C-alpha atoms as a PDB file:
ATOM      1  CA  MET A   1     -12.586  10.083   7.181  1.00  0.00           C
ATOM      2  CA  SER A   2     -16.266   9.418   7.798  1.00  0.00           C
ATOM      3  CA  PHE A   3     -19.096  10.058   5.405  1.00  0.00           C
ATOM      4  CA  VAL A   4     -21.844  12.396   6.524  1.00  0.00           C
ATOM      5  CA  GLY A   5     -24.324  10.249   8.402  1.00  0.00           C
ATOM      6  CA  GLY A   6     -22.003   7.405   9.314  1.00  0.00           C
ATOM      7  CA  PRO A   7     -18.703   5.615   8.930  1.00  0.00           C
ATOM      8  CA  LYS A   8     -17.054   5.212   5.552  1.00  0.00           C
ATOM      9  CA  LEU A   9     -17.002   1.686   4.164  1.00  0.00           C
ATOM     10  CA  HIS A  10     -16.109   0.306   0.753  1.00  0.00           C
ATOM     11  CA  ILE A  11     -15.380  -3.354   0.092  1.00  0.00           C
ATOM     12  CA  HIS A  12     -14.480  -4.344  -3.453  1.00  0.00           C
ATOM     13  CA  ALA A  13     -17.088  -6.702  -4.903  1.00  0.00           C
ATOM     14  CA  ALA A  14     -14.446  -9.445  -5.257  1.00  0.00           C
ATOM     15  CA  LEU A  15     -13.985  -9.514  -1.469  1.00  0.00           C
ATOM     16  CA  GLU A  16     -17.570  -8.945  -0.285  1.00  0.00           C
ATOM     17  CA  ASP A  17     -18.208 -12.636   0.394  1.00  0.00           C
ATOM     18  CA  VAL A  18     -15.054 -13.178   2.480  1.00  0.00           C
ATOM     19  CA  ALA A  19     -16.284 -13.218   6.093  1.00  0.00           C
ATOM     20  CA  ARG A  20     -12.932 -12.195   7.610  1.00  0.00           C
ATOM     21  CA  ILE A  21     -12.686  -9.214   5.232  1.00  0.00           C
ATOM     22  CA  ARG A  22     -16.194  -8.042   6.171  1.00  0.00           C
ATOM     23  CA  THR A  23     -15.309  -8.299   9.874  1.00  0.00           C
ATOM     24  CA  LEU A  24     -11.997  -6.439   9.543  1.00  0.00           C
ATOM     25  CA  SER A  25     -13.492  -3.706   7.388  1.00  0.00           C
ATOM     26  CA  LYS A  26     -16.054  -2.879  10.099  1.00  0.00           C
ATOM     27  CA  ARG A  27     -13.417  -2.574  12.819  1.00  0.00           C
ATOM     28  CA  ARG A  28     -13.115   0.934  14.285  1.00  0.00           C
ATOM     29  CA  GLU A  29      -9.837   0.668  16.228  1.00  0.00           C
ATOM     30  CA  LEU A  30      -6.543   1.136  14.427  1.00  0.00           C
ATOM     31  CA  PHE A  31      -4.559  -1.835  13.164  1.00  0.00           C
ATOM     32  CA  GLY A  32      -1.030  -2.613  14.273  1.00  0.00           C
ATOM     33  CA  ALA A  33       1.786  -3.160  11.778  1.00  0.00           C
ATOM     34  CA  ASP A  34       1.854  -6.908  12.428  1.00  0.00           C
ATOM     35  CA  GLU A  35      -1.905  -7.163  11.814  1.00  0.00           C
ATOM     36  CA  LEU A  36      -1.563  -5.260   8.537  1.00  0.00           C
ATOM     37  CA  LEU A  37       1.248  -7.554   7.406  1.00  0.00           C
ATOM     38  CA  ASP A  38      -0.825 -10.624   8.307  1.00  0.00           C
ATOM     39  CA  LEU A  39      -3.729  -9.247   6.265  1.00  0.00           C
ATOM     40  CA  THR A  40      -1.622  -8.428   3.196  1.00  0.00           C
ATOM     41  CA  MET A  41       0.013 -11.867   3.380  1.00  0.00           C
ATOM     42  CA  GLU A  42      -3.391 -13.544   3.638  1.00  0.00           C
ATOM     43  CA  VAL A  43      -4.827 -11.689   0.643  1.00  0.00           C
ATOM     44  CA  ALA A  44      -1.665 -12.245  -1.419  1.00  0.00           C
ATOM     45  CA  THR A  45      -1.984 -16.016  -0.991  1.00  0.00           C
ATOM     46  CA  GLN A  46      -5.628 -15.964  -2.132  1.00  0.00           C
ATOM     47  CA  THR A  47      -4.875 -15.524  -5.812  1.00  0.00           C
ATOM     48  CA  GLU A  48      -8.491 -16.229  -6.761  1.00  0.00           C
ATOM     49  CA  LEU A  49      -9.412 -12.897  -5.118  1.00  0.00           C
ATOM     50  CA  TRP A  50      -6.908 -10.591  -6.802  1.00  0.00           C
ATOM     51  CA  GLN A  51      -5.798 -12.302 -10.014  1.00  0.00           C
ATOM     52  CA  PRO A  52      -9.019 -11.503 -11.933  1.00  0.00           C
ATOM     53  CA  LEU A  53      -8.646  -7.826 -10.920  1.00  0.00           C
ATOM     54  CA  ILE A  54      -4.976  -7.039 -11.459  1.00  0.00           C
ATOM     55  CA  ARG A  55      -3.832  -4.921 -14.370  1.00  0.00           C
ATOM     56  CA  HIS A  56      -0.318  -4.009 -15.469  1.00  0.00           C
ATOM     57  CA  THR A  57      -0.099  -0.914 -17.640  1.00  0.00           C
ATOM     58  CA  THR A  58       3.070   0.668 -18.969  1.00  0.00           C
ATOM     59  CA  GLU A  59       1.659   4.205 -18.691  1.00  0.00           C
ATOM     60  CA  ALA A  60       1.517   4.226 -14.874  1.00  0.00           C
ATOM     61  CA  ARG A  61       1.228   1.949 -11.904  1.00  0.00           C
ATOM     62  CA  TRP A  62      -2.280   0.542 -11.762  1.00  0.00           C
ATOM     63  CA  TYR A  63      -4.059   0.378  -8.410  1.00  0.00           C
ATOM     64  CA  GLU A  64      -7.462  -0.581  -7.044  1.00  0.00           C
ATOM     65  CA  ALA A  65      -8.918  -0.057  -3.576  1.00  0.00           C
ATOM     66  CA  LEU A  66     -10.011  -3.365  -2.060  1.00  0.00           C
ATOM     67  CA  ILE A  67     -11.107  -1.954   1.310  1.00  0.00           C
ATOM     68  CA  LEU A  68     -11.635   1.639   2.418  1.00  0.00           C
ATOM     69  CA  SER A  69     -12.940   2.122   5.939  1.00  0.00           C
ATOM     70  CA  ASP A  70     -12.294   4.528   8.780  1.00  0.00           C
ATOM     71  CA  ALA A  71      -9.468   2.384  10.169  1.00  0.00           C
ATOM     72  CA  LEU A  72      -8.174   0.448   7.141  1.00  0.00           C
ATOM     73  CA  GLU A  73      -7.110   0.885   3.524  1.00  0.00           C
ATOM     74  CA  LEU A  74      -6.240  -2.187   1.466  1.00  0.00           C
ATOM     75  CA  TRP A  75      -4.885  -1.733  -2.070  1.00  0.00           C
ATOM     76  CA  LEU A  76      -3.967  -3.990  -4.978  1.00  0.00           C
ATOM     77  CA  ILE A  77      -1.141  -2.520  -7.118  1.00  0.00           C
ATOM     78  CA  GLY A  78       0.232  -3.651 -10.483  1.00  0.00           C
ATOM     79  CA  TRP A  79       3.796  -2.714 -11.461  1.00  0.00           C
ATOM     80  CA  THR A  80       5.463  -3.115 -14.861  1.00  0.00           C
ATOM     81  CA  PRO A  81       9.269  -3.149 -15.143  1.00  0.00           C
ATOM     82  CA  GLY A  82      10.767   0.268 -14.409  1.00  0.00           C
ATOM     83  CA  GLN A  83       7.804   1.676 -12.499  1.00  0.00           C
ATOM     84  CA  ALA A  84       8.477   3.244  -9.105  1.00  0.00           C
ATOM     85  CA  THR A  85       7.011   5.576  -6.540  1.00  0.00           C
ATOM     86  CA  PRO A  86       8.746   8.793  -5.636  1.00  0.00           C
ATOM     87  CA  LEU A  87      10.234   8.954  -2.161  1.00  0.00           C
ATOM     88  CA  HIS A  88       7.247   9.300   0.204  1.00  0.00           C
ATOM     89  CA  ASP A  89       5.715   8.561   3.586  1.00  0.00           C
ATOM     90  CA  HIS A  90       2.137   7.661   4.435  1.00  0.00           C
ATOM     91  CA  GLY A  91       1.185  10.749   6.412  1.00  0.00           C
ATOM     92  CA  GLY A  92       1.535   9.111   9.816  1.00  0.00           C
ATOM     93  CA  ALA A  93      -0.171   5.819   8.990  1.00  0.00           C
ATOM     94  CA  THR A  94       1.233   2.445   9.951  1.00  0.00           C
ATOM     95  CA  GLY A  95       1.535   0.212   6.909  1.00  0.00           C
ATOM     96  CA  ALA A  96       2.480  -3.100   5.340  1.00  0.00           C
ATOM     97  CA  LEU A  97       2.968  -4.560   1.900  1.00  0.00           C
ATOM     98  CA  THR A  98       3.266  -8.086   0.553  1.00  0.00           C
ATOM     99  CA  ILE A  99       4.493  -9.104  -2.868  1.00  0.00           C
ATOM    100  CA  ALA A 100       1.842 -11.332  -4.443  1.00  0.00           C
ATOM    101  CA  ALA A 101       3.832 -11.902  -7.650  1.00  0.00           C
ATOM    102  CA  GLY A 102       7.239 -10.812  -8.921  1.00  0.00           C
ATOM    103  CA  ARG A 103       9.782  -8.735  -6.998  1.00  0.00           C
ATOM    104  CA  LEU A 104       9.918  -5.153  -5.724  1.00  0.00           C
ATOM    105  CA  ILE A 105      12.749  -3.154  -4.199  1.00  0.00           C
ATOM    106  CA  GLU A 106      12.046  -0.874  -1.248  1.00  0.00           C
ATOM    107  CA  THR A 107      14.561   1.833  -0.442  1.00  0.00           C
ATOM    108  CA  ALA A 108      13.859   3.070   3.090  1.00  0.00           C
ATOM    109  CA  HIS A 109      15.361   6.088   4.839  1.00  0.00           C
ATOM    110  CA  ALA A 110      15.970   6.285   8.576  1.00  0.00           C
ATOM    111  CA  ASP A 111      15.176   9.985   9.009  1.00  0.00           C
ATOM    112  CA  LEU A 112      13.866  13.180   7.434  1.00  0.00           C
ATOM    113  CA  GLY A 113      17.413  14.015   6.355  1.00  0.00           C
ATOM    114  CA  LEU A 114      17.033  11.084   3.936  1.00  0.00           C
ATOM    115  CA  THR A 115      20.308   9.626   5.108  1.00  0.00           C
ATOM    116  CA  ARG A 116      21.300   6.025   5.525  1.00  0.00           C
ATOM    117  CA  PRO A 117      19.147   4.492   2.763  1.00  0.00           C
ATOM    118  CA  ARG A 118      18.519   0.770   3.145  1.00  0.00           C
ATOM    119  CA  ARG A 119      17.538  -1.429   0.172  1.00  0.00           C
ATOM    120  CA  ASN A 120      15.128  -4.251   0.890  1.00  0.00           C
ATOM    121  CA  ILE A 121      14.540  -6.874  -1.776  1.00  0.00           C
ATOM    122  CA  LEU A 122      10.965  -8.108  -1.528  1.00  0.00           C
ATOM    123  CA  ASP A 123      10.412 -11.329  -3.432  1.00  0.00           C
ATOM    124  CA  GLU A 124       7.126 -13.075  -4.126  1.00  0.00           C
ATOM    125  CA  ARG A 125       5.275 -13.984  -0.899  1.00  0.00           C
ATOM    126  CA  SER A 126       7.533 -11.780   1.217  1.00  0.00           C
ATOM    127  CA  GLY A 127       6.464  -8.581   2.875  1.00  0.00           C
ATOM    128  CA  ALA A 128       7.387  -5.732   5.151  1.00  0.00           C
ATOM    129  CA  TYR A 129       5.637  -3.527   7.650  1.00  0.00           C
ATOM    130  CA  PHE A 130       6.470  -0.028   8.754  1.00  0.00           C
ATOM    131  CA  SER A 131       5.863   2.554  11.437  1.00  0.00           C
ATOM    132  CA  PRO A 132       4.076   5.883  10.977  1.00  0.00           C
ATOM    133  CA  ASN A 133       7.348   7.789  10.400  1.00  0.00           C
ATOM    134  CA  HIS A 134       8.635   5.478   7.616  1.00  0.00           C
ATOM    135  CA  ILE A 135       9.945   7.131   4.422  1.00  0.00           C
ATOM    136  CA  HIS A 136      10.481   4.928   1.389  1.00  0.00           C
ATOM    137  CA  ARG A 137      10.491   4.434  -2.361  1.00  0.00           C
ATOM    138  CA  VAL A 138       9.186   1.236  -3.945  1.00  0.00           C
ATOM    139  CA  ALA A 139      10.274   0.121  -7.421  1.00  0.00           C
ATOM    140  CA  ASN A 140      10.009  -2.723  -9.886  1.00  0.00           C
ATOM    141  CA  GLU A 141      13.605  -2.984 -11.043  1.00  0.00           C
ATOM    142  CA  GLY A 142      13.070  -6.436 -12.558  1.00  0.00           C
ATOM    143  CA  ALA A 143      12.257  -7.658 -16.044  1.00  0.00           C
ATOM    144  CA  ARG A 144       8.739  -8.944 -15.292  1.00  0.00           C
ATOM    145  CA  ASN A 145       5.514  -7.552 -13.873  1.00  0.00           C
ATOM    146  CA  ALA A 146       4.981  -7.441 -10.125  1.00  0.00           C
ATOM    147  CA  THR A 147       1.807  -7.366  -8.041  1.00  0.00           C
ATOM    148  CA  SER A 148       1.572  -6.184  -4.446  1.00  0.00           C
ATOM    149  CA  ILE A 149      -1.012  -5.827  -1.682  1.00  0.00           C
ATOM    150  CA  HIS A 150      -0.706  -2.746   0.590  1.00  0.00           C
ATOM    151  CA  ALA A 151      -2.521  -1.901   3.850  1.00  0.00           C
ATOM    152  CA  TYR A 152      -2.552   1.300   5.934  1.00  0.00           C
ATOM    153  CA  SER A 153      -4.095   2.348   9.236  1.00  0.00           C
ATOM    154  CA  PRO A 154      -5.580   4.816   9.894  1.00  0.00           C
ATOM    155  CA  ALA A 155      -7.151   5.313   6.502  1.00  0.00           C
ATOM    156  CA  GLY A 156      -7.403   8.475   4.470  1.00  0.00           C
ATOM    157  CA  LEU A 157      -4.180  10.235   5.459  1.00  0.00           C
ATOM    158  CA  GLN A 158      -2.355  12.301   2.866  1.00  0.00           C
ATOM    159  CA  MET A 159       1.067  11.051   1.827  1.00  0.00           C
ATOM    160  CA  ARG A 160       4.038  13.371   1.763  1.00  0.00           C
ATOM    161  CA  VAL A 161       6.339  13.182  -1.268  1.00  0.00           C
ATOM    162  CA  TYR A 162       9.977  14.180  -0.673  1.00  0.00           C
ATOM    163  CA  ASP A 163      12.045  15.739  -3.453  1.00  0.00           C
ATOM    164  CA  GLY A 164      15.388  15.794  -1.602  1.00  0.00           C
ATOM    165  CA  SER A 165      15.404  19.582  -1.169  1.00  0.00           C
ATOM    166  CA  GLY A 166      13.604  19.513   2.165  1.00  0.00           C
ATOM    167  CA  GLU A 167      10.302  20.437   0.520  1.00  0.00           C
ATOM    168  CA  THR A 168       7.353  18.056   0.611  1.00  0.00           C
ATOM    169  CA  GLN A 169       4.195  17.752  -1.454  1.00  0.00           C
ATOM    170  CA  LEU A 170       0.954  16.390   0.009  1.00  0.00           C
ATOM    171  CA  VAL A 171      -0.825  13.755  -2.091  1.00  0.00           C
ATOM    172  CA  ALA A 172      -4.173  12.161  -1.291  1.00  0.00           C
ATOM    173  CA  ALA A 173      -4.158   8.363  -1.126  1.00  0.00           C
ATOM    174  CA  GLY A 174      -5.680   6.874  -4.252  1.00  0.00           C
ATOM    175  CA  SER A 175      -5.268  10.073  -6.233  1.00  0.00           C
ATOM    176  CA  THR A 176      -3.502  10.334  -9.542  1.00  0.00           C
ATOM    177  CA  GLY A 177      -0.632  11.974  -7.656  1.00  0.00           C
ATOM    178  CA  PRO A 178       2.897  10.643  -7.655  1.00  0.00           C
ATOM    179  CA  ALA A 179       2.931   8.244  -4.684  1.00  0.00           C
ATOM    180  CA  SER A 180       1.111   5.072  -3.778  1.00  0.00           C
END
């Protein structure tokens, strides 16, 4: 996931002046799940960074890349009531998410057979991290908007969307495809 001539790096203008963000975005080694959760928690508590950016649209989940580097993706996502991802994984990336506002429900599956679903209620200022083989669906089942911060490492891996038939569809992160 490198650009020709050097490493890939994008920092959203709203975060460019945050020294810790600049340092983390230049890091080349992969992030652990606990580090990703710490980062999403930290950004979620800094409402002055994300509140001016967030959008909630009824047509589709809104999302904005905050950091894109070789080792890290950091996303801001706006959810209106009823919006959800399809069942998906993150292509082998470790990940974390923190709820900055509202509530989301994560339904996680223990294996590729999509058995033993587990519902996790994620309230404001709570989060979760996951391993590279994690399969889940995230939804706003509430009556008010929700905002979340998501991080993945390594960056740039295609997500796999599961339809329950054993077939999967590859979707590029940040595309207009079905998962986020």
